[in-house]
């Protein structure tokens, strides 16, 4: 099993916040992106952080957005739409959305709306 699956959302979330804020985006925008992908509102995100949910547990409880198949592109040198391992694909979807937000893409485009 990949090491990333056992990483906690609580350990990664602050890095996502730092990444987007360094590029002039806000934590609120990041939270909107996470909610779009997973269906997790603020209280559910807080619960995931407080319980130190692993990425595996995090995505087990997520209700992925029906438009998730519209997320395309490369993360860590791999095309997200071709990743065959379901959990790794979900993690990379999140990485891709965070990258797009940090690169200044309009929120409407990041949220595929």
C-alpha atoms as a PDB file:
ATOM      1  CA  UNK A   1       0.000   0.000   0.000  1.00  0.00           C
ATOM      2  CA  UNK A   2       1.274   3.446  -0.861  1.00  0.00           C
ATOM      3  CA  UNK A   3       2.584   5.592   2.010  1.00  0.00           C
ATOM      4  CA  UNK A   4       0.397   8.468   0.889  1.00  0.00           C
ATOM      5  CA  UNK A   5      -2.769   6.491   1.722  1.00  0.00           C
ATOM      6  CA  UNK A   6      -1.781   6.463   5.400  1.00  0.00           C
ATOM      7  CA  UNK A   7      -0.953  10.175   5.509  1.00  0.00           C
ATOM      8  CA  UNK A   8      -3.549  12.199   7.365  1.00  0.00           C
ATOM      9  CA  UNK A   9      -5.625  14.928   5.806  1.00  0.00           C
ATOM     10  CA  UNK A  10      -4.698  16.991   8.896  1.00  0.00           C
ATOM     11  CA  UNK A  11      -0.993  16.801   7.960  1.00  0.00           C
ATOM     12  CA  UNK A  12      -1.546  17.793   4.315  1.00  0.00           C
ATOM     13  CA  UNK A  13      -4.273  20.440   4.653  1.00  0.00           C
ATOM     14  CA  UNK A  14      -1.963  23.149   6.139  1.00  0.00           C
ATOM     15  CA  UNK A  15       0.410  22.604   3.194  1.00  0.00           C
ATOM     16  CA  UNK A  16      -2.453  23.133   0.762  1.00  0.00           C
ATOM     17  CA  UNK A  17      -3.400  26.330   2.628  1.00  0.00           C
ATOM     18  CA  UNK A  18       0.197  27.597   2.501  1.00  0.00           C
ATOM     19  CA  UNK A  19       0.497  26.764  -1.189  1.00  0.00           C
ATOM     20  CA  UNK A  20      -2.610  28.685  -2.236  1.00  0.00           C
ATOM     21  CA  UNK A  21      -2.019  31.629   0.128  1.00  0.00           C
ATOM     22  CA  UNK A  22       1.556  32.023  -1.173  1.00  0.00           C
ATOM     23  CA  UNK A  23       0.007  32.518  -4.601  1.00  0.00           C
ATOM     24  CA  UNK A  24      -2.535  35.097  -3.421  1.00  0.00           C
ATOM     25  CA  UNK A  25      -5.529  32.779  -3.060  1.00  0.00           C
ATOM     26  CA  UNK A  26      -7.507  32.250   0.141  1.00  0.00           C
ATOM     27  CA  UNK A  27      -8.190  29.390   2.536  1.00  0.00           C
ATOM     28  CA  UNK A  28     -11.894  29.987   1.808  1.00  0.00           C
ATOM     29  CA  UNK A  29     -11.316  29.338  -1.898  1.00  0.00           C
ATOM     30  CA  UNK A  30      -9.378  26.182  -1.026  1.00  0.00           C
ATOM     31  CA  UNK A  31     -12.228  25.035   1.216  1.00  0.00           C
ATOM     32  CA  UNK A  32     -14.683  25.662  -1.628  1.00  0.00           C
ATOM     33  CA  UNK A  33     -12.566  23.473  -3.924  1.00  0.00           C
ATOM     34  CA  UNK A  34     -12.402  20.673  -1.320  1.00  0.00           C
ATOM     35  CA  UNK A  35     -16.151  20.896  -0.767  1.00  0.00           C
ATOM     36  CA  UNK A  36     -16.807  20.762  -4.517  1.00  0.00           C
ATOM     37  CA  UNK A  37     -14.673  17.611  -4.858  1.00  0.00           C
ATOM     38  CA  UNK A  38     -15.691  15.742  -1.685  1.00  0.00           C
ATOM     39  CA  UNK A  39     -19.004  17.206  -0.549  1.00  0.00           C
ATOM     40  CA  UNK A  40     -17.389  18.008   2.838  1.00  0.00           C
ATOM     41  CA  UNK A  41     -18.653  21.221   4.430  1.00  0.00           C
ATOM     42  CA  UNK A  42     -16.668  23.071   7.097  1.00  0.00           C
ATOM     43  CA  UNK A  43     -17.838  20.870   9.975  1.00  0.00           C
ATOM     44  CA  UNK A  44     -16.980  17.658   8.079  1.00  0.00           C
ATOM     45  CA  UNK A  45     -13.533  19.029   7.086  1.00  0.00           C
ATOM     46  CA  UNK A  46     -12.926  19.938  10.733  1.00  0.00           C
ATOM     47  CA  UNK A  47     -13.981  16.436  11.792  1.00  0.00           C
ATOM     48  CA  UNK A  48     -11.573  14.896   9.253  1.00  0.00           C
ATOM     49  CA  UNK A  49      -8.763  17.053  10.670  1.00  0.00           C
ATOM     50  CA  UNK A  50      -9.647  16.469  14.339  1.00  0.00           C
ATOM     51  CA  UNK A  51      -9.918  12.691  13.942  1.00  0.00           C
ATOM     52  CA  UNK A  52      -6.682  12.613  11.924  1.00  0.00           C
ATOM     53  CA  UNK A  53      -8.385  10.725   9.112  1.00  0.00           C
ATOM     54  CA  UNK A  54      -6.005   9.103   6.650  1.00  0.00           C
ATOM     55  CA  UNK A  55      -6.477   9.905   2.974  1.00  0.00           C
ATOM     56  CA  UNK A  56      -8.019   6.447   2.662  1.00  0.00           C
ATOM     57  CA  UNK A  57     -10.602   7.235   5.382  1.00  0.00           C
ATOM     58  CA  UNK A  58     -11.071  10.764   4.015  1.00  0.00           C
ATOM     59  CA  UNK A  59     -12.001   9.572   0.524  1.00  0.00           C
ATOM     60  CA  UNK A  60     -14.013   6.598   1.845  1.00  0.00           C
ATOM     61  CA  UNK A  61     -16.402   9.145   3.375  1.00  0.00           C
ATOM     62  CA  UNK A  62     -16.366  11.578   0.446  1.00  0.00           C
ATOM     63  CA  UNK A  63     -19.201  11.895  -2.067  1.00  0.00           C
ATOM     64  CA  UNK A  64     -17.210  12.773  -5.179  1.00  0.00           C
ATOM     65  CA  UNK A  65     -18.651  15.450  -7.410  1.00  0.00           C
ATOM     66  CA  UNK A  66     -20.388  13.952 -10.488  1.00  0.00           C
ATOM     67  CA  UNK A  67     -18.214  16.208 -12.691  1.00  0.00           C
ATOM     68  CA  UNK A  68     -14.967  14.738 -11.344  1.00  0.00           C
ATOM     69  CA  UNK A  69     -14.298  13.147 -14.760  1.00  0.00           C
ATOM     70  CA  UNK A  70     -13.805  16.682 -16.131  1.00  0.00           C
ATOM     71  CA  UNK A  71     -10.576  16.973 -14.112  1.00  0.00           C
ATOM     72  CA  UNK A  72      -7.779  16.360 -16.579  1.00  0.00           C
ATOM     73  CA  UNK A  73      -4.112  17.132 -16.719  1.00  0.00           C
ATOM     74  CA  UNK A  74      -0.773  16.172 -15.233  1.00  0.00           C
ATOM     75  CA  UNK A  75       0.184  15.973 -11.553  1.00  0.00           C
ATOM     76  CA  UNK A  76       3.606  14.664 -10.519  1.00  0.00           C
ATOM     77  CA  UNK A  77       4.251  13.712 -14.144  1.00  0.00           C
ATOM     78  CA  UNK A  78       1.149  11.503 -14.409  1.00  0.00           C
ATOM     79  CA  UNK A  79      -2.113  12.217 -16.237  1.00  0.00           C
ATOM     80  CA  UNK A  80      -4.839  12.128 -13.578  1.00  0.00           C
ATOM     81  CA  UNK A  81      -7.440  10.766 -15.965  1.00  0.00           C
ATOM     82  CA  UNK A  82      -5.313   7.655 -16.673  1.00  0.00           C
ATOM     83  CA  UNK A  83      -4.533   6.654 -13.062  1.00  0.00           C
ATOM     84  CA  UNK A  84      -5.988   3.177 -12.554  1.00  0.00           C
ATOM     85  CA  UNK A  85      -5.777   2.932  -8.748  1.00  0.00           C
ATOM     86  CA  UNK A  86      -9.056   4.586  -7.555  1.00  0.00           C
ATOM     87  CA  UNK A  87      -7.746   6.046  -4.285  1.00  0.00           C
ATOM     88  CA  UNK A  88      -4.573   7.432  -5.892  1.00  0.00           C
ATOM     89  CA  UNK A  89      -6.721   9.003  -8.622  1.00  0.00           C
ATOM     90  CA  UNK A  90      -8.892  10.753  -6.003  1.00  0.00           C
ATOM     91  CA  UNK A  91      -5.795  12.058  -4.188  1.00  0.00           C
ATOM     92  CA  UNK A  92      -4.360  13.339  -7.474  1.00  0.00           C
ATOM     93  CA  UNK A  93      -7.702  14.969  -8.365  1.00  0.00           C
ATOM     94  CA  UNK A  94      -7.388  16.965  -5.144  1.00  0.00           C
ATOM     95  CA  UNK A  95      -3.747  17.810  -5.909  1.00  0.00           C
ATOM     96  CA  UNK A  96      -4.697  18.936  -9.419  1.00  0.00           C
ATOM     97  CA  UNK A  97      -7.477  21.233  -8.166  1.00  0.00           C
ATOM     98  CA  UNK A  98      -5.161  22.763  -5.545  1.00  0.00           C
ATOM     99  CA  UNK A  99      -2.486  23.293  -8.232  1.00  0.00           C
ATOM    100  CA  UNK A 100      -4.986  25.000 -10.538  1.00  0.00           C
ATOM    101  CA  UNK A 101      -6.167  27.276  -7.732  1.00  0.00           C
ATOM    102  CA  UNK A 102      -2.586  28.157  -6.791  1.00  0.00           C
ATOM    103  CA  UNK A 103      -1.729  28.899 -10.435  1.00  0.00           C
ATOM    104  CA  UNK A 104      -4.427  31.566 -10.521  1.00  0.00           C
ATOM    105  CA  UNK A 105      -7.065  29.753 -12.531  1.00  0.00           C
ATOM    106  CA  UNK A 106     -10.526  31.287 -12.092  1.00  0.00           C
ATOM    107  CA  UNK A 107     -12.509  29.522  -9.368  1.00  0.00           C
ATOM    108  CA  UNK A 108     -15.363  28.803 -11.810  1.00  0.00           C
ATOM    109  CA  UNK A 109     -12.897  26.956 -14.060  1.00  0.00           C
ATOM    110  CA  UNK A 110     -11.329  25.040 -11.153  1.00  0.00           C
ATOM    111  CA  UNK A 111     -14.833  23.971 -10.080  1.00  0.00           C
ATOM    112  CA  UNK A 112     -15.668  22.893 -13.645  1.00  0.00           C
ATOM    113  CA  UNK A 113     -18.776  25.076 -13.733  1.00  0.00           C
END
